[in-house]
Amino acid sequence: MSGYNLDENKGIFSLFGIKNLTKLIKQGAAMDVKHFKMYEYMNCTVLEKSENDIKLEMKDHTQETLFFPGDHVVLNYSNNNELYVIDGTIVYVFSINPPVIKVRMNKCEKLKNLRKHERYYVSLMANIRVSGSNKPFFAVVKNMSSGGIKINSDERLMPEDVLEVEVILDRTNKLVFSGAVVRKNKLGNYFEYGIEIKGISESNIKCLYHYLKWLGSEYR
């Protein structure tokens, strides 16, 4: 099991690309943001921008404190009929109601690149249990494809572990499968894992494909 950036050589933008994207983003522009504790995207407005960070204000108020520094989010941004899907991390929370946050833009892809690699940036909750253990642990799903998912977790996993994975797709749908760790990367206080699908029921295959198709249509 190797340890490296799990998005390396997958068509993502370089740091230079992020800088170019920042130039395209205009103050006052509209964006959509998805936090892993949210079931839907929220509309937001760009208040400020710097080289790699962007300050956003949500248009919708919330009664819950969902946003904390270090949390993973996904941003969707359209410009000149091009759609950019951005993997980001909250670095500062200015206000809760309405939510005003600063996001560090880590990686970005155009929709055509996402389709090419059949992989989508997401921000979803997952409950994972190692076979033989009765206690599941929490993880954040950062991207997914028809072959597996990438997660962030502070749990230490081994390649021989058999994992039972439950991904919360929305209010009513869950994706359940068994998997194994095929990639690992240490990121600060937590780990980034690539989990390959090893066993999945027919109904869950349909659920996965339906969700990936929905992601593609939503990004349009």
Protein backbone atom coordinates (compact mmCIF):
# COMPACT_ATOMS: atom_id res chain seq x y z
CA MET A 1 0.00 0.00 0.00
CA SER A 2 1.61 3.23 -1.13
CA GLY A 3 1.30 6.65 0.42
CA TYR A 4 0.90 9.63 -1.90
CA ASN A 5 -1.56 12.24 -3.07
CA LEU A 6 -4.56 10.15 -4.10
CA ASP A 7 -5.50 12.66 -6.79
CA GLU A 8 -2.02 12.73 -8.37
CA ASN A 9 -1.95 12.35 -12.14
CA LYS A 10 -5.74 12.29 -12.30
CA GLY A 11 -6.25 15.41 -14.40
CA ILE A 12 -6.58 17.87 -11.55
CA PHE A 13 -5.46 21.48 -11.90
CA SER A 14 -2.02 22.38 -10.57
CA LEU A 15 -1.45 25.23 -8.11
CA PHE A 16 -0.98 27.43 -11.16
CA GLY A 17 -4.39 26.30 -12.33
CA ILE A 18 -5.95 27.31 -9.01
CA LYS A 19 -4.40 30.76 -9.41
CA ASN A 20 -5.88 31.04 -12.88
CA LEU A 21 -9.25 29.98 -11.55
CA THR A 22 -9.04 32.66 -8.86
CA LYS A 23 -8.56 35.24 -11.59
CA LEU A 24 -11.77 34.05 -13.26
CA ILE A 25 -13.82 34.28 -10.07
CA LYS A 26 -15.35 37.74 -9.68
CA GLN A 27 -16.37 39.44 -6.45
CA GLY A 28 -20.14 39.14 -6.11
CA ALA A 29 -20.25 35.98 -8.24
CA ALA A 30 -22.56 33.11 -7.31
CA MET A 31 -21.30 29.72 -6.11
CA ASP A 32 -22.80 26.56 -4.65
CA VAL A 33 -21.30 24.96 -1.55
CA LYS A 34 -21.77 21.45 -0.13
CA HIS A 35 -20.69 20.53 3.41
CA PHE A 36 -20.60 16.85 4.39
CA LYS A 37 -23.27 17.44 7.06
CA MET A 38 -25.62 18.98 4.49
CA TYR A 39 -27.92 17.01 2.19
CA GLU A 40 -28.10 19.71 -0.47
CA TYR A 41 -25.97 22.47 -1.92
CA MET A 42 -26.40 26.01 -0.54
CA ASN A 43 -26.25 29.12 -2.70
CA CYS A 44 -23.57 31.62 -1.73
CA THR A 45 -21.91 34.85 -2.89
CA VAL A 46 -18.22 35.60 -3.26
CA LEU A 47 -17.31 38.44 -0.88
CA GLU A 48 -13.52 38.44 -1.23
CA LYS A 49 -10.78 36.38 -2.85
CA SER A 50 -7.03 35.96 -2.56
CA GLU A 51 -4.51 33.73 -4.30
CA ASN A 52 -5.87 30.43 -2.98
CA ASP A 53 -8.65 31.45 -0.56
CA ILE A 54 -12.16 32.67 -1.11
CA LYS A 55 -14.61 34.29 1.33
CA LEU A 56 -18.23 33.22 0.89
CA GLU A 57 -21.57 34.28 2.36
CA MET A 58 -24.48 31.83 2.27
CA LYS A 59 -27.81 33.13 1.04
CA ASP A 60 -29.72 30.76 3.32
CA HIS A 61 -29.77 31.03 7.10
CA THR A 62 -29.28 27.95 9.23
CA GLN A 63 -30.17 27.13 12.81
CA GLU A 64 -27.32 24.62 13.13
CA THR A 65 -23.60 25.18 13.58
CA LEU A 66 -22.33 23.11 10.68
CA PHE A 67 -19.14 24.89 9.75
CA PHE A 68 -15.80 24.55 11.52
CA PRO A 69 -12.21 25.25 10.41
CA GLY A 70 -10.71 22.14 8.85
CA ASP A 71 -14.03 20.84 7.51
CA HIS A 72 -14.18 19.57 3.94
CA VAL A 73 -16.48 21.27 1.40
CA VAL A 74 -17.13 21.12 -2.34
CA LEU A 75 -17.78 24.25 -4.43
CA ASN A 76 -19.40 24.52 -7.86
CA TYR A 77 -18.60 27.58 -9.97
CA SER A 78 -19.73 28.44 -13.51
CA ASN A 79 -17.95 30.86 -15.86
CA ASN A 80 -18.53 31.31 -19.59
CA ASN A 81 -20.45 28.03 -19.79
CA GLU A 82 -17.57 26.19 -18.09
CA LEU A 83 -18.27 24.45 -14.81
CA TYR A 84 -15.53 24.08 -12.19
CA VAL A 85 -15.86 21.67 -9.26
CA ILE A 86 -13.55 22.67 -6.40
CA ASP A 87 -12.33 20.58 -3.49
CA GLY A 88 -11.88 22.90 -0.50
CA THR A 89 -11.20 23.21 3.21
CA ILE A 90 -12.75 25.75 5.58
CA VAL A 91 -9.97 27.86 7.12
CA TYR A 92 -12.05 30.45 9.02
CA VAL A 93 -15.66 31.01 10.09
CA PHE A 94 -16.68 34.67 10.31
CA SER A 95 -20.38 34.24 11.04
CA ILE A 96 -22.89 31.45 11.64
CA ASN A 97 -26.17 33.09 10.69
CA PRO A 98 -25.89 33.76 7.86
CA PRO A 99 -22.83 31.54 7.43
CA VAL A 100 -19.77 33.47 6.23
CA ILE A 101 -16.67 31.33 5.71
CA LYS A 102 -13.21 31.43 4.15
CA VAL A 103 -12.36 28.39 2.04
CA ARG A 104 -8.93 27.21 0.90
CA MET A 105 -9.22 25.89 -2.67
CA ASN A 106 -7.14 22.70 -2.79
CA LYS A 107 -7.96 21.09 -6.13
CA CYS A 108 -10.19 21.83 -9.06
CA GLU A 109 -11.48 20.12 -12.18
CA LYS A 110 -13.64 21.06 -15.10
CA LEU A 111 -16.69 18.89 -15.59
CA LYS A 112 -15.21 17.27 -18.72
CA ASN A 113 -12.21 16.05 -16.71
CA LEU A 114 -14.46 14.64 -14.01
CA ARG A 115 -16.41 12.71 -16.62
CA LYS A 116 -13.23 11.46 -18.24
CA HIS A 117 -12.04 9.89 -15.01
CA GLU A 118 -15.54 8.89 -13.87
CA ARG A 119 -14.80 10.49 -10.51
CA TYR A 120 -16.66 13.26 -8.72
CA TYR A 121 -15.67 15.48 -5.85
CA VAL A 122 -18.27 15.14 -3.10
CA SER A 123 -18.64 15.92 0.58
CA LEU A 124 -20.59 13.12 2.25
CA MET A 125 -20.76 11.41 5.63
CA ALA A 126 -19.85 7.73 5.94
CA ASN A 127 -19.96 5.14 8.69
CA ILE A 128 -17.31 2.44 8.34
CA ARG A 129 -16.78 -0.72 10.35
CA VAL A 130 -13.77 -3.01 10.25
CA SER A 131 -14.88 -6.64 10.03
CA GLY A 132 -14.70 -8.22 13.49
CA SER A 133 -15.39 -4.91 15.25
CA ASN A 134 -18.80 -3.86 16.55
CA LYS A 135 -17.98 -0.14 16.62
CA PRO A 136 -18.21 1.88 13.40
CA PHE A 137 -16.15 5.02 12.89
CA PHE A 138 -16.98 8.26 11.09
CA ALA A 139 -15.36 9.37 7.83
CA VAL A 140 -15.82 12.11 5.24
CA VAL A 141 -16.09 10.98 1.61
CA LYS A 142 -14.14 13.40 -0.62
CA ASN A 143 -14.65 11.81 -4.01
CA MET A 144 -16.28 8.78 -5.52
CA SER A 145 -16.39 6.75 -8.70
CA SER A 146 -17.90 3.49 -9.88
CA GLY A 147 -14.88 1.66 -8.45
CA GLY A 148 -14.55 3.18 -5.00
CA ILE A 149 -14.29 6.23 -2.78
CA LYS A 150 -11.68 8.45 -1.14
CA ILE A 151 -12.18 9.31 2.52
CA ASN A 152 -10.66 11.35 5.32
CA SER A 153 -10.56 9.76 8.78
CA ASP A 154 -8.45 9.74 11.93
CA GLU A 155 -8.83 5.94 12.13
CA ARG A 156 -5.76 3.80 11.41
CA LEU A 157 -6.56 1.19 8.78
CA MET A 158 -4.53 -1.65 7.29
CA PRO A 159 -4.67 -3.07 3.74
CA GLU A 160 -5.80 -6.45 5.09
CA ASP A 161 -8.82 -4.91 6.85
CA VAL A 162 -12.19 -5.90 5.44
CA LEU A 163 -14.39 -2.80 5.61
CA GLU A 164 -18.17 -2.51 5.73
CA VAL A 165 -18.96 0.95 4.32
CA GLU A 166 -22.17 2.97 4.56
CA VAL A 167 -22.20 6.29 2.67
CA ILE A 168 -25.07 8.72 3.38
CA LEU A 169 -26.05 10.01 -0.06
CA ASP A 170 -29.07 12.09 0.93
CA ARG A 171 -31.99 12.13 3.36
CA THR A 172 -33.34 8.77 2.19
CA ASN A 173 -30.59 6.92 0.31
CA LYS A 174 -27.50 5.09 1.56
CA LEU A 175 -24.80 3.26 -0.37
CA VAL A 176 -23.57 0.07 1.32
CA PHE A 177 -20.66 -2.10 0.19
CA SER A 178 -17.63 -4.00 1.44
CA GLY A 179 -14.22 -2.65 0.55
CA ALA A 180 -10.49 -2.61 1.16
CA VAL A 181 -7.84 0.10 1.52
CA VAL A 182 -5.74 0.38 -1.65
CA ARG A 183 -4.15 3.80 -1.06
CA LYS A 184 -3.10 5.72 2.06
CA ASN A 185 -1.81 9.22 2.70
CA LYS A 186 -1.07 11.03 5.98
CA LEU A 187 -2.52 14.54 6.11
CA GLY A 188 -1.78 16.35 9.35
CA ASN A 189 -3.80 14.75 12.15
CA TYR A 190 -5.81 12.43 9.91
CA PHE A 191 -5.43 9.94 7.09
CA GLU A 192 -6.65 9.97 3.51
CA TYR A 193 -7.64 6.52 2.22
CA GLY A 194 -8.58 5.17 -1.16
CA ILE A 195 -11.15 2.41 -0.67
CA GLU A 196 -11.89 0.01 -3.49
CA ILE A 197 -15.31 -1.65 -3.74
CA LYS A 198 -14.86 -5.40 -3.27
CA GLY A 199 -18.41 -6.59 -2.69
CA ILE A 200 -21.72 -4.88 -3.46
CA SER A 201 -25.31 -5.97 -4.00
CA GLU A 202 -27.21 -5.40 -7.23
CA SER A 203 -29.48 -2.86 -5.57
CA ASN A 204 -26.49 -0.91 -4.27
CA ILE A 205 -24.81 -0.99 -7.70
CA LYS A 206 -27.94 0.62 -9.13
CA CYS A 207 -27.93 3.14 -6.28
CA LEU A 208 -24.27 4.03 -6.97
CA TYR A 209 -24.74 4.43 -10.72
CA HIS A 210 -27.89 6.47 -10.21
CA TYR A 211 -26.08 8.80 -7.83
CA LEU A 212 -23.10 9.26 -10.16
CA LYS A 213 -25.47 10.01 -13.03
CA TRP A 214 -27.30 12.51 -10.81
CA LEU A 215 -24.00 14.20 -9.96
CA GLY A 216 -23.23 14.59 -13.64
CA SER A 217 -26.61 16.14 -14.38
CA GLU A 218 -26.41 18.43 -11.34
CA TYR A 219 -22.96 19.70 -12.34
CA ARG A 220 -24.45 20.74 -15.70
